[in-house]
Amino acid sequence: MAIADLGMVDAIAARVHPDFPEDAAVFAERLRLYPDGCHVLAAADIAGYLISHPWRGEPPPLNSLIGCIPPEARTYYIHDLALLPSARGSGAAGRIVQQLIEQARRLQLPSLSLVAVNGSVPFWENQGFVVARDHDATGYGEDARRMVRHLA
């Protein structure tokens, strides 16, 4: 992902996650703080994006700036993985999850975590994630679940 991609990222976010709006500044900050965790899926045009980064544990509040990547990170946090309908079913999401697992291992983090929204719990379960015991995902809606994948 590059700065020039942020307009398209914002447009995809508005289309894929209309119930979870985030300011463009959130995406720009994550790209600035941790570019290794920010990617776009490009075909003829950008068809999806990923925002991820090392984190402490509990998910950051929706639509919030985080200020820095914490040096005491305990998980690799998947902030957002969004694909336009044209890219769904292509296997791209599963491939990027595998890349994130390798990224977390390189960073020697013991887990990956996320907040599953829009009925995506089954997808994440298929990727080896489980609903966290304390699955509180305040601010993300009633069906949102905090999920984790522990690495061996």
C-alpha atoms as a PDB file:
ATOM      1  CA  MET A   1       0.000   0.000   0.000  1.00  0.00           C
ATOM      2  CA  ALA A   2       1.158   3.487  -0.823  1.00  0.00           C
ATOM      3  CA  ILE A   3      -0.135   6.896   0.202  1.00  0.00           C
ATOM      4  CA  ALA A   4      -1.676   7.234  -3.261  1.00  0.00           C
ATOM      5  CA  ASP A   5      -3.837   4.148  -2.528  1.00  0.00           C
ATOM      6  CA  LEU A   6      -5.515   5.620   0.552  1.00  0.00           C
ATOM      7  CA  GLY A   7      -8.400   7.226  -1.352  1.00  0.00           C
ATOM      8  CA  MET A   8      -9.352   3.854  -2.825  1.00  0.00           C
ATOM      9  CA  VAL A   9      -8.866   2.148   0.558  1.00  0.00           C
ATOM     10  CA  ASP A  10     -11.259   4.654   2.107  1.00  0.00           C
ATOM     11  CA  ALA A  11     -13.807   4.043  -0.685  1.00  0.00           C
ATOM     12  CA  ILE A  12     -13.592   0.253  -0.260  1.00  0.00           C
ATOM     13  CA  ALA A  13     -13.964   0.590   3.515  1.00  0.00           C
ATOM     14  CA  ALA A  14     -17.113   2.687   3.061  1.00  0.00           C
ATOM     15  CA  ARG A  15     -18.559   0.077   0.711  1.00  0.00           C
ATOM     16  CA  VAL A  16     -17.538  -3.101   2.566  1.00  0.00           C
ATOM     17  CA  HIS A  17     -17.925  -1.846   6.152  1.00  0.00           C
ATOM     18  CA  PRO A  18     -20.603   0.887   6.055  1.00  0.00           C
ATOM     19  CA  ASP A  19     -21.622   0.163   9.659  1.00  0.00           C
ATOM     20  CA  PHE A  20     -18.047   0.627  10.904  1.00  0.00           C
ATOM     21  CA  PRO A  21     -16.915   3.999   9.538  1.00  0.00           C
ATOM     22  CA  GLU A  22     -13.370   5.123  10.154  1.00  0.00           C
ATOM     23  CA  ASP A  23     -11.755   8.412   9.296  1.00  0.00           C
ATOM     24  CA  ALA A  24      -9.181   8.403   6.505  1.00  0.00           C
ATOM     25  CA  ALA A  25      -6.662   9.520   9.133  1.00  0.00           C
ATOM     26  CA  VAL A  26      -6.879   6.067  10.775  1.00  0.00           C
ATOM     27  CA  PHE A  27      -5.739   4.304   7.600  1.00  0.00           C
ATOM     28  CA  ALA A  28      -3.059   6.919   6.938  1.00  0.00           C
ATOM     29  CA  GLU A  29      -1.702   6.565  10.474  1.00  0.00           C
ATOM     30  CA  ARG A  30      -1.511   2.753  10.282  1.00  0.00           C
ATOM     31  CA  LEU A  31       0.322   2.999   6.947  1.00  0.00           C
ATOM     32  CA  ARG A  32       2.762   5.519   8.410  1.00  0.00           C
ATOM     33  CA  LEU A  33       3.345   3.525  11.609  1.00  0.00           C
ATOM     34  CA  TYR A  34       3.596   0.041  10.124  1.00  0.00           C
ATOM     35  CA  PRO A  35       3.819  -0.080   6.312  1.00  0.00           C
ATOM     36  CA  ASP A  36       4.812  -3.773   6.409  1.00  0.00           C
ATOM     37  CA  GLY A  37       1.276  -4.547   7.574  1.00  0.00           C
ATOM     38  CA  CYS A  38      -0.594  -2.511   4.952  1.00  0.00           C
ATOM     39  CA  HIS A  39      -1.317  -4.020   1.547  1.00  0.00           C
ATOM     40  CA  VAL A  40      -3.701  -3.683  -1.369  1.00  0.00           C
ATOM     41  CA  LEU A  41      -5.064  -6.392  -3.627  1.00  0.00           C
ATOM     42  CA  ALA A  42      -4.555  -5.066  -7.117  1.00  0.00           C
ATOM     43  CA  ALA A  43      -6.114  -6.527 -10.224  1.00  0.00           C
ATOM     44  CA  ALA A  44      -7.170  -4.078 -12.934  1.00  0.00           C
ATOM     45  CA  ASP A  45      -7.872  -1.760 -10.018  1.00  0.00           C
ATOM     46  CA  ILE A  46      -7.592  -2.078  -6.245  1.00  0.00           C
ATOM     47  CA  ALA A  47     -10.068  -4.763  -5.177  1.00  0.00           C
ATOM     48  CA  GLY A  48      -9.245  -4.986  -1.488  1.00  0.00           C
ATOM     49  CA  TYR A  49      -6.892  -4.014   1.287  1.00  0.00           C
ATOM     50  CA  LEU A  50      -5.343  -5.175   4.530  1.00  0.00           C
ATOM     51  CA  ILE A  51      -4.369  -3.107   7.565  1.00  0.00           C
ATOM     52  CA  SER A  52      -2.463  -4.972  10.302  1.00  0.00           C
ATOM     53  CA  HIS A  53       0.212  -4.335  12.923  1.00  0.00           C
ATOM     54  CA  PRO A  54       1.745  -5.591  16.159  1.00  0.00           C
ATOM     55  CA  TRP A  55      -0.378  -4.694  19.185  1.00  0.00           C
ATOM     56  CA  ARG A  56      -0.723  -5.079  22.969  1.00  0.00           C
ATOM     57  CA  GLY A  57      -3.779  -7.305  23.235  1.00  0.00           C
ATOM     58  CA  GLU A  58      -7.230  -5.770  23.429  1.00  0.00           C
ATOM     59  CA  PRO A  59      -8.290  -4.276  20.099  1.00  0.00           C
ATOM     60  CA  PRO A  60      -7.989  -0.522  19.690  1.00  0.00           C
ATOM     61  CA  PRO A  61     -11.355   1.256  19.736  1.00  0.00           C
ATOM     62  CA  LEU A  62     -13.022   1.645  16.360  1.00  0.00           C
ATOM     63  CA  ASN A  63     -12.035   4.807  14.484  1.00  0.00           C
ATOM     64  CA  SER A  64      -9.175   5.676  16.808  1.00  0.00           C
ATOM     65  CA  LEU A  65      -5.599   6.721  16.299  1.00  0.00           C
ATOM     66  CA  ILE A  66      -3.074   4.585  18.151  1.00  0.00           C
ATOM     67  CA  GLY A  67      -0.091   6.954  18.208  1.00  0.00           C
ATOM     68  CA  CYS A  68       2.620   4.299  17.944  1.00  0.00           C
ATOM     69  CA  ILE A  69       3.277   0.595  17.577  1.00  0.00           C
ATOM     70  CA  PRO A  70       3.823  -0.550  21.159  1.00  0.00           C
ATOM     71  CA  PRO A  71       7.271  -2.010  21.846  1.00  0.00           C
ATOM     72  CA  GLU A  72       5.630  -4.498  24.226  1.00  0.00           C
ATOM     73  CA  ALA A  73       3.351  -5.979  21.511  1.00  0.00           C
ATOM     74  CA  ARG A  74       1.834  -9.338  22.436  1.00  0.00           C
ATOM     75  CA  THR A  75      -0.207 -10.092  19.320  1.00  0.00           C
ATOM     76  CA  TYR A  76      -0.316  -9.388  15.605  1.00  0.00           C
ATOM     77  CA  TYR A  77      -3.543  -7.448  15.151  1.00  0.00           C
ATOM     78  CA  ILE A  78      -5.540  -7.635  11.932  1.00  0.00           C
ATOM     79  CA  HIS A  79      -7.260  -4.269  11.923  1.00  0.00           C
ATOM     80  CA  ASP A  80      -9.118  -4.762   8.656  1.00  0.00           C
ATOM     81  CA  LEU A  81      -9.212  -7.160   5.730  1.00  0.00           C
ATOM     82  CA  ALA A  82     -11.722  -5.980   3.136  1.00  0.00           C
ATOM     83  CA  LEU A  83     -12.393  -7.329  -0.343  1.00  0.00           C
ATOM     84  CA  LEU A  84     -14.810  -6.029  -2.930  1.00  0.00           C
ATOM     85  CA  PRO A  85     -17.348  -8.627  -4.140  1.00  0.00           C
ATOM     86  CA  SER A  86     -15.343  -9.095  -7.353  1.00  0.00           C
ATOM     87  CA  ALA A  87     -12.366 -10.425  -5.341  1.00  0.00           C
ATOM     88  CA  ARG A  88     -14.270 -12.685  -2.962  1.00  0.00           C
ATOM     89  CA  GLY A  89     -13.921 -16.391  -3.557  1.00  0.00           C
ATOM     90  CA  SER A  90     -10.542 -15.897  -5.255  1.00  0.00           C
ATOM     91  CA  GLY A  91      -8.571 -17.342  -2.339  1.00  0.00           C
ATOM     92  CA  ALA A  92      -6.826 -13.998  -1.781  1.00  0.00           C
ATOM     93  CA  ALA A  93      -8.047 -13.658   1.814  1.00  0.00           C
ATOM     94  CA  GLY A  94      -6.762 -17.089   2.803  1.00  0.00           C
ATOM     95  CA  ARG A  95      -3.394 -16.396   1.176  1.00  0.00           C
ATOM     96  CA  ILE A  96      -2.963 -13.107   3.000  1.00  0.00           C
ATOM     97  CA  VAL A  97      -3.855 -14.749   6.319  1.00  0.00           C
ATOM     98  CA  GLN A  98      -1.056 -17.274   5.740  1.00  0.00           C
ATOM     99  CA  GLN A  99       1.335 -14.397   5.050  1.00  0.00           C
ATOM    100  CA  LEU A 100       0.235 -12.703   8.280  1.00  0.00           C
ATOM    101  CA  ILE A 101       0.883 -15.890  10.238  1.00  0.00           C
ATOM    102  CA  GLU A 102       4.435 -15.926   8.881  1.00  0.00           C
ATOM    103  CA  GLN A 103       4.805 -12.224   9.695  1.00  0.00           C
ATOM    104  CA  ALA A 104       3.719 -12.840  13.304  1.00  0.00           C
ATOM    105  CA  ARG A 105       6.184 -15.722  13.588  1.00  0.00           C
ATOM    106  CA  ARG A 106       9.040 -13.571  12.236  1.00  0.00           C
ATOM    107  CA  LEU A 107       8.189 -10.995  14.896  1.00  0.00           C
ATOM    108  CA  GLN A 108       8.072 -13.782  17.506  1.00  0.00           C
ATOM    109  CA  LEU A 109       4.533 -12.871  18.523  1.00  0.00           C
ATOM    110  CA  PRO A 110       2.517 -15.683  20.134  1.00  0.00           C
ATOM    111  CA  SER A 111      -0.794 -14.937  18.409  1.00  0.00           C
ATOM    112  CA  LEU A 112      -2.824 -13.061  15.831  1.00  0.00           C
ATOM    113  CA  SER A 113      -6.041 -11.324  16.830  1.00  0.00           C
ATOM    114  CA  LEU A 114      -8.917  -9.409  15.270  1.00  0.00           C
ATOM    115  CA  VAL A 115     -12.518  -8.356  15.640  1.00  0.00           C
ATOM    116  CA  ALA A 116     -14.780 -10.329  13.305  1.00  0.00           C
ATOM    117  CA  VAL A 117     -17.727  -8.343  11.932  1.00  0.00           C
ATOM    118  CA  ASN A 118     -20.379  -8.739   9.237  1.00  0.00           C
ATOM    119  CA  GLY A 119     -20.874 -12.447   9.905  1.00  0.00           C
ATOM    120  CA  SER A 120     -17.231 -13.281   9.178  1.00  0.00           C
ATOM    121  CA  VAL A 121     -16.685 -15.565  12.207  1.00  0.00           C
ATOM    122  CA  PRO A 122     -16.947 -18.756  10.053  1.00  0.00           C
ATOM    123  CA  PHE A 123     -14.260 -17.480   7.650  1.00  0.00           C
ATOM    124  CA  TRP A 124     -11.894 -16.748  10.523  1.00  0.00           C
ATOM    125  CA  GLU A 125     -12.651 -20.090  12.183  1.00  0.00           C
ATOM    126  CA  ASN A 126     -11.648 -21.768   8.903  1.00  0.00           C
ATOM    127  CA  GLN A 127      -8.347 -19.876   9.194  1.00  0.00           C
ATOM    128  CA  GLY A 128      -7.690 -21.349  12.653  1.00  0.00           C
ATOM    129  CA  PHE A 129      -9.037 -18.489  14.793  1.00  0.00           C
ATOM    130  CA  VAL A 130     -11.292 -19.050  17.799  1.00  0.00           C
ATOM    131  CA  VAL A 131     -13.615 -16.680  19.604  1.00  0.00           C
ATOM    132  CA  ALA A 132     -11.750 -15.330  22.618  1.00  0.00           C
ATOM    133  CA  ARG A 133     -13.150 -16.209  26.037  1.00  0.00           C
ATOM    134  CA  ASP A 134     -13.528 -12.525  26.773  1.00  0.00           C
ATOM    135  CA  HIS A 135     -14.918 -11.819  23.314  1.00  0.00           C
ATOM    136  CA  ASP A 136     -15.877  -8.256  24.142  1.00  0.00           C
ATOM    137  CA  ALA A 137     -15.701  -6.136  21.003  1.00  0.00           C
ATOM    138  CA  THR A 138     -17.246  -2.957  22.348  1.00  0.00           C
ATOM    139  CA  GLY A 139     -18.146  -0.481  19.662  1.00  0.00           C
ATOM    140  CA  TYR A 140     -18.200  -3.029  16.843  1.00  0.00           C
ATOM    141  CA  GLY A 141     -21.815  -4.189  17.089  1.00  0.00           C
ATOM    142  CA  GLU A 142     -23.735  -7.050  18.676  1.00  0.00           C
ATOM    143  CA  ASP A 143     -22.514  -9.802  16.351  1.00  0.00           C
ATOM    144  CA  ALA A 144     -18.843  -8.727  16.532  1.00  0.00           C
ATOM    145  CA  ARG A 145     -16.471 -11.182  18.170  1.00  0.00           C
ATOM    146  CA  ARG A 146     -12.881 -10.776  19.249  1.00  0.00           C
ATOM    147  CA  MET A 147     -10.971 -13.723  17.842  1.00  0.00           C
ATOM    148  CA  VAL A 148      -7.464 -15.092  18.297  1.00  0.00           C
ATOM    149  CA  ARG A 149      -5.208 -17.605  16.622  1.00  0.00           C
ATOM    150  CA  HIS A 150      -2.459 -18.906  18.886  1.00  0.00           C
ATOM    151  CA  LEU A 151       0.797 -19.862  17.225  1.00  0.00           C
ATOM    152  CA  ALA A 152       2.705 -22.931  18.367  1.00  0.00           C
END
